[in-house]
Amino acid sequence: MNVLRSLTALLLAVGLSLTAALPALAQSDEALAPDITIRQEEERTIHEYRVNGELYAIEIRPSAGPSYYLVDHDGDGNFERQEGDRIAVPEWVLKTF
């Protein structure tokens, strides 16, 4: 019976710890959501993606042709063209938190 009580107490303590951690995890996810600035130019639409104020990607949507991204993969300010319809936030942006 003591083993059952100890196990119940342990599970309850773990459950409370996880519940207390949930708001912090939710805040982390929200902090990683990019701020997107959209600018319309004559022949294209530009979406700038920032996390914590750091510009890490630019999406170019031309009026004719496929969209593409310019991504700063290592935080040095040099943007490289990347094809595709999605990009991941580079690690250097995540380490600024």
N, C-alpha and C. Protein backbone atom coordinates (compact mmCIF):
# COMPACT_ATOMS: atom_id res chain seq x y z
N MET A 1 0.83 -1.20 0.00
CA MET A 1 0.00 0.00 0.00
C MET A 1 0.87 1.26 0.00
N ASN A 2 2.00 1.23 0.74
CA ASN A 2 2.89 2.39 0.77
C ASN A 2 3.49 2.66 -0.61
N VAL A 3 3.75 1.59 -1.36
CA VAL A 3 4.29 1.74 -2.70
C VAL A 3 3.28 2.45 -3.59
N LEU A 4 2.02 2.09 -3.45
CA LEU A 4 0.96 2.71 -4.24
C LEU A 4 0.83 4.19 -3.90
N ARG A 5 0.89 4.53 -2.62
CA ARG A 5 0.82 5.94 -2.21
C ARG A 5 2.02 6.72 -2.73
N SER A 6 3.20 6.11 -2.63
CA SER A 6 4.41 6.79 -3.12
C SER A 6 4.33 7.03 -4.62
N LEU A 7 3.87 6.02 -5.36
CA LEU A 7 3.73 6.16 -6.81
C LEU A 7 2.70 7.22 -7.16
N THR A 8 1.59 7.25 -6.45
CA THR A 8 0.55 8.26 -6.68
C THR A 8 1.09 9.65 -6.40
N ALA A 9 1.83 9.81 -5.31
CA ALA A 9 2.41 11.11 -4.97
C ALA A 9 3.42 11.55 -6.02
N LEU A 10 4.21 10.61 -6.50
CA LEU A 10 5.20 10.93 -7.53
C LEU A 10 4.52 11.38 -8.83
N LEU A 11 3.51 10.65 -9.25
CA LEU A 11 2.78 11.01 -10.47
C LEU A 11 2.10 12.37 -10.33
N LEU A 12 1.56 12.64 -9.18
CA LEU A 12 0.92 13.93 -8.93
C LEU A 12 1.95 15.06 -8.99
N ALA A 13 3.12 14.84 -8.39
CA ALA A 13 4.18 15.86 -8.40
C ALA A 13 4.66 16.12 -9.83
N VAL A 14 4.84 15.06 -10.60
CA VAL A 14 5.29 15.21 -11.99
C VAL A 14 4.22 15.95 -12.80
N GLY A 15 2.96 15.59 -12.59
CA GLY A 15 1.87 16.25 -13.31
C GLY A 15 1.80 17.74 -12.99
N LEU A 16 1.98 18.10 -11.73
CA LEU A 16 1.97 19.51 -11.34
C LEU A 16 3.15 20.25 -11.94
N SER A 17 4.31 19.60 -11.99
CA SER A 17 5.49 20.23 -12.58
C SER A 17 5.27 20.51 -14.06
N LEU A 18 4.70 19.55 -14.76
CA LEU A 18 4.43 19.75 -16.19
C LEU A 18 3.41 20.84 -16.42
N THR A 19 2.38 20.89 -15.57
CA THR A 19 1.36 21.93 -15.70
C THR A 19 1.97 23.30 -15.48
N ALA A 20 2.88 23.43 -14.54
CA ALA A 20 3.53 24.71 -14.28
C ALA A 20 4.42 25.12 -15.45
N ALA A 21 4.98 24.16 -16.16
CA ALA A 21 5.88 24.46 -17.27
C ALA A 21 5.14 24.83 -18.55
N LEU A 22 3.88 24.47 -18.68
CA LEU A 22 3.14 24.71 -19.92
C LEU A 22 3.09 26.19 -20.33
N PRO A 23 2.81 27.13 -19.45
CA PRO A 23 2.80 28.53 -19.90
C PRO A 23 4.14 28.97 -20.46
N ALA A 24 5.25 28.51 -19.87
CA ALA A 24 6.58 28.88 -20.38
C ALA A 24 6.78 28.31 -21.77
N LEU A 25 6.36 27.06 -21.99
CA LEU A 25 6.50 26.46 -23.31
C LEU A 25 5.65 27.20 -24.33
N ALA A 26 4.45 27.59 -23.95
CA ALA A 26 3.57 28.32 -24.87
C ALA A 26 4.18 29.67 -25.23
N GLN A 27 4.80 30.33 -24.27
CA GLN A 27 5.43 31.61 -24.55
C GLN A 27 6.60 31.43 -25.50
N SER A 28 7.35 30.35 -25.36
CA SER A 28 8.47 30.10 -26.25
C SER A 28 7.99 29.94 -27.69
N ASP A 29 6.91 29.20 -27.89
CA ASP A 29 6.36 29.01 -29.23
C ASP A 29 5.90 30.34 -29.83
N GLU A 30 5.27 31.17 -29.01
CA GLU A 30 4.82 32.47 -29.49
C GLU A 30 6.00 33.37 -29.84
N ALA A 31 7.07 33.27 -29.07
CA ALA A 31 8.26 34.09 -29.34
C ALA A 31 8.91 33.69 -30.65
N LEU A 32 8.73 32.44 -31.07
CA LEU A 32 9.32 31.97 -32.32
C LEU A 32 8.47 32.29 -33.53
N ALA A 33 7.24 32.69 -33.33
CA ALA A 33 6.39 33.06 -34.46
C ALA A 33 6.98 34.32 -35.10
N PRO A 34 7.20 34.29 -36.41
CA PRO A 34 7.85 35.44 -37.04
C PRO A 34 6.93 36.64 -37.15
N ASP A 35 7.54 37.81 -37.09
CA ASP A 35 6.86 39.04 -37.46
C ASP A 35 7.06 39.17 -38.96
N ILE A 36 5.99 39.40 -39.69
CA ILE A 36 6.07 39.47 -41.15
C ILE A 36 5.67 40.86 -41.60
N THR A 37 6.58 41.50 -42.31
CA THR A 37 6.32 42.81 -42.92
C THR A 37 6.10 42.59 -44.41
N ILE A 38 4.99 43.12 -44.93
CA ILE A 38 4.65 42.92 -46.34
C ILE A 38 4.71 44.26 -47.06
N ARG A 39 5.46 44.26 -48.16
CA ARG A 39 5.56 45.46 -49.00
C ARG A 39 5.14 45.11 -50.42
N GLN A 40 4.36 45.96 -51.02
CA GLN A 40 3.95 45.77 -52.41
C GLN A 40 4.75 46.70 -53.30
N GLU A 41 5.42 46.14 -54.28
CA GLU A 41 6.12 46.92 -55.29
C GLU A 41 5.43 46.69 -56.63
N GLU A 42 5.87 47.37 -57.67
CA GLU A 42 5.20 47.29 -58.97
C GLU A 42 5.05 45.86 -59.48
N GLU A 43 6.13 45.12 -59.52
CA GLU A 43 6.12 43.80 -60.14
C GLU A 43 6.24 42.65 -59.15
N ARG A 44 6.18 42.94 -57.83
CA ARG A 44 6.34 41.88 -56.86
C ARG A 44 5.84 42.29 -55.48
N THR A 45 5.62 41.28 -54.66
CA THR A 45 5.28 41.48 -53.25
C THR A 45 6.42 40.90 -52.43
N ILE A 46 6.84 41.62 -51.41
CA ILE A 46 7.97 41.20 -50.58
C ILE A 46 7.49 40.97 -49.16
N HIS A 47 7.81 39.79 -48.62
CA HIS A 47 7.49 39.46 -47.23
C HIS A 47 8.81 39.34 -46.49
N GLU A 48 8.99 40.13 -45.44
CA GLU A 48 10.21 40.07 -44.62
C GLU A 48 9.88 39.35 -43.31
N TYR A 49 10.67 38.34 -42.98
CA TYR A 49 10.43 37.51 -41.80
C TYR A 49 11.47 37.83 -40.73
N ARG A 50 10.97 38.18 -39.53
CA ARG A 50 11.84 38.52 -38.41
C ARG A 50 11.41 37.76 -37.17
N VAL A 51 12.38 37.35 -36.37
CA VAL A 51 12.14 36.82 -35.03
C VAL A 51 13.03 37.60 -34.10
N ASN A 52 12.44 38.13 -33.03
CA ASN A 52 13.18 38.92 -32.06
C ASN A 52 13.89 40.10 -32.73
N GLY A 53 13.26 40.65 -33.77
CA GLY A 53 13.82 41.80 -34.48
C GLY A 53 14.88 41.46 -35.50
N GLU A 54 15.27 40.19 -35.61
CA GLU A 54 16.32 39.77 -36.53
C GLU A 54 15.73 39.34 -37.87
N LEU A 55 16.11 40.02 -38.94
CA LEU A 55 15.67 39.65 -40.28
C LEU A 55 16.44 38.40 -40.71
N TYR A 56 15.70 37.31 -40.98
CA TYR A 56 16.37 36.07 -41.37
C TYR A 56 15.94 35.58 -42.74
N ALA A 57 14.83 36.09 -43.28
CA ALA A 57 14.40 35.63 -44.59
C ALA A 57 13.54 36.69 -45.27
N ILE A 58 13.60 36.67 -46.59
CA ILE A 58 12.78 37.55 -47.42
C ILE A 58 12.13 36.67 -48.48
N GLU A 59 10.83 36.75 -48.58
CA GLU A 59 10.12 36.00 -49.62
C GLU A 59 9.77 36.98 -50.74
N ILE A 60 10.12 36.61 -51.95
CA ILE A 60 9.81 37.42 -53.13
C ILE A 60 8.70 36.72 -53.89
N ARG A 61 7.59 37.41 -54.08
CA ARG A 61 6.47 36.88 -54.87
C ARG A 61 6.30 37.75 -56.11
N PRO A 62 6.94 37.36 -57.23
CA PRO A 62 6.81 38.14 -58.45
C PRO A 62 5.38 38.05 -59.00
N SER A 63 4.98 39.06 -59.76
CA SER A 63 3.65 39.02 -60.36
C SER A 63 3.55 37.90 -61.39
N ALA A 64 4.68 37.52 -61.98
CA ALA A 64 4.72 36.39 -62.91
C ALA A 64 5.86 35.47 -62.49
N GLY A 65 5.58 34.19 -62.39
CA GLY A 65 6.61 33.24 -62.02
C GLY A 65 6.49 32.79 -60.58
N PRO A 66 7.28 31.79 -60.21
CA PRO A 66 7.19 31.23 -58.86
C PRO A 66 7.85 32.12 -57.80
N SER A 67 7.38 31.97 -56.57
CA SER A 67 7.97 32.67 -55.44
C SER A 67 9.30 32.01 -55.06
N TYR A 68 10.15 32.78 -54.38
CA TYR A 68 11.40 32.24 -53.86
C TYR A 68 11.78 33.02 -52.61
N TYR A 69 12.72 32.45 -51.86
CA TYR A 69 13.17 33.06 -50.62
C TYR A 69 14.63 33.46 -50.73
N LEU A 70 14.99 34.49 -49.98
CA LEU A 70 16.37 34.86 -49.72
C LEU A 70 16.56 34.64 -48.22
N VAL A 71 17.49 33.77 -47.84
CA VAL A 71 17.63 33.36 -46.44
C VAL A 71 19.05 33.62 -45.96
N ASP A 72 19.17 34.21 -44.78
CA ASP A 72 20.45 34.41 -44.10
C ASP A 72 20.66 33.20 -43.20
N HIS A 73 21.38 32.20 -43.68
CA HIS A 73 21.51 30.93 -42.96
C HIS A 73 22.39 31.01 -41.73
N ASP A 74 23.37 31.94 -41.69
CA ASP A 74 24.28 31.95 -40.54
C ASP A 74 24.41 33.30 -39.85
N GLY A 75 23.55 34.24 -40.16
CA GLY A 75 23.53 35.52 -39.44
C GLY A 75 24.58 36.51 -39.85
N ASP A 76 25.21 36.30 -41.00
CA ASP A 76 26.26 37.22 -41.44
C ASP A 76 25.75 38.32 -42.37
N GLY A 77 24.45 38.33 -42.63
CA GLY A 77 23.87 39.37 -43.50
C GLY A 77 23.89 39.02 -44.97
N ASN A 78 24.48 37.88 -45.32
CA ASN A 78 24.49 37.43 -46.71
C ASN A 78 23.29 36.51 -46.94
N PHE A 79 22.41 36.92 -47.82
CA PHE A 79 21.19 36.17 -48.11
C PHE A 79 21.40 35.32 -49.35
N GLU A 80 21.02 34.05 -49.24
CA GLU A 80 21.15 33.11 -50.35
C GLU A 80 19.77 32.71 -50.83
N ARG A 81 19.64 32.55 -52.15
CA ARG A 81 18.36 32.18 -52.73
C ARG A 81 18.03 30.73 -52.36
N GLN A 82 16.76 30.52 -52.02
CA GLN A 82 16.29 29.19 -51.66
C GLN A 82 14.92 28.99 -52.30
N GLU A 83 14.78 27.91 -53.03
CA GLU A 83 13.51 27.58 -53.67
C GLU A 83 12.64 26.80 -52.68
N GLY A 84 11.37 26.71 -52.96
CA GLY A 84 10.45 25.93 -52.14
C GLY A 84 9.34 26.80 -51.60
N ASP A 85 8.43 26.16 -50.91
CA ASP A 85 7.28 26.90 -50.40
C ASP A 85 7.32 27.12 -48.89
N ARG A 86 8.37 26.62 -48.21
CA ARG A 86 8.51 26.82 -46.77
C ARG A 86 9.99 26.95 -46.41
N ILE A 87 10.24 27.64 -45.31
CA ILE A 87 11.60 27.75 -44.79
C ILE A 87 11.57 27.53 -43.29
N ALA A 88 12.67 27.11 -42.75
CA ALA A 88 12.79 26.96 -41.30
C ALA A 88 13.56 28.15 -40.74
N VAL A 89 13.27 28.49 -39.50
CA VAL A 89 14.01 29.56 -38.83
C VAL A 89 15.43 29.06 -38.60
N PRO A 90 16.45 29.77 -39.09
CA PRO A 90 17.83 29.32 -38.89
C PRO A 90 18.21 29.28 -37.41
N GLU A 91 19.16 28.40 -37.08
CA GLU A 91 19.58 28.24 -35.68
C GLU A 91 20.12 29.52 -35.07
N TRP A 92 20.82 30.35 -35.84
CA TRP A 92 21.41 31.55 -35.25
C TRP A 92 20.33 32.48 -34.72
N VAL A 93 19.14 32.46 -35.30
CA VAL A 93 18.04 33.29 -34.80
C VAL A 93 17.55 32.73 -33.47
N LEU A 94 17.47 31.41 -33.38
CA LEU A 94 16.97 30.77 -32.15
C LEU A 94 17.94 30.97 -30.99
N LYS A 95 19.23 31.09 -31.26
CA LYS A 95 20.23 31.25 -30.19
C LYS A 95 20.27 32.65 -29.63
N THR A 96 19.57 33.61 -30.24
CA THR A 96 19.57 34.99 -29.72
C THR A 96 18.64 35.16 -28.54
N PHE A 97 17.88 34.11 -28.19
CA PHE A 97 16.97 34.21 -27.05
C PHE A 97 17.72 34.02 -25.77
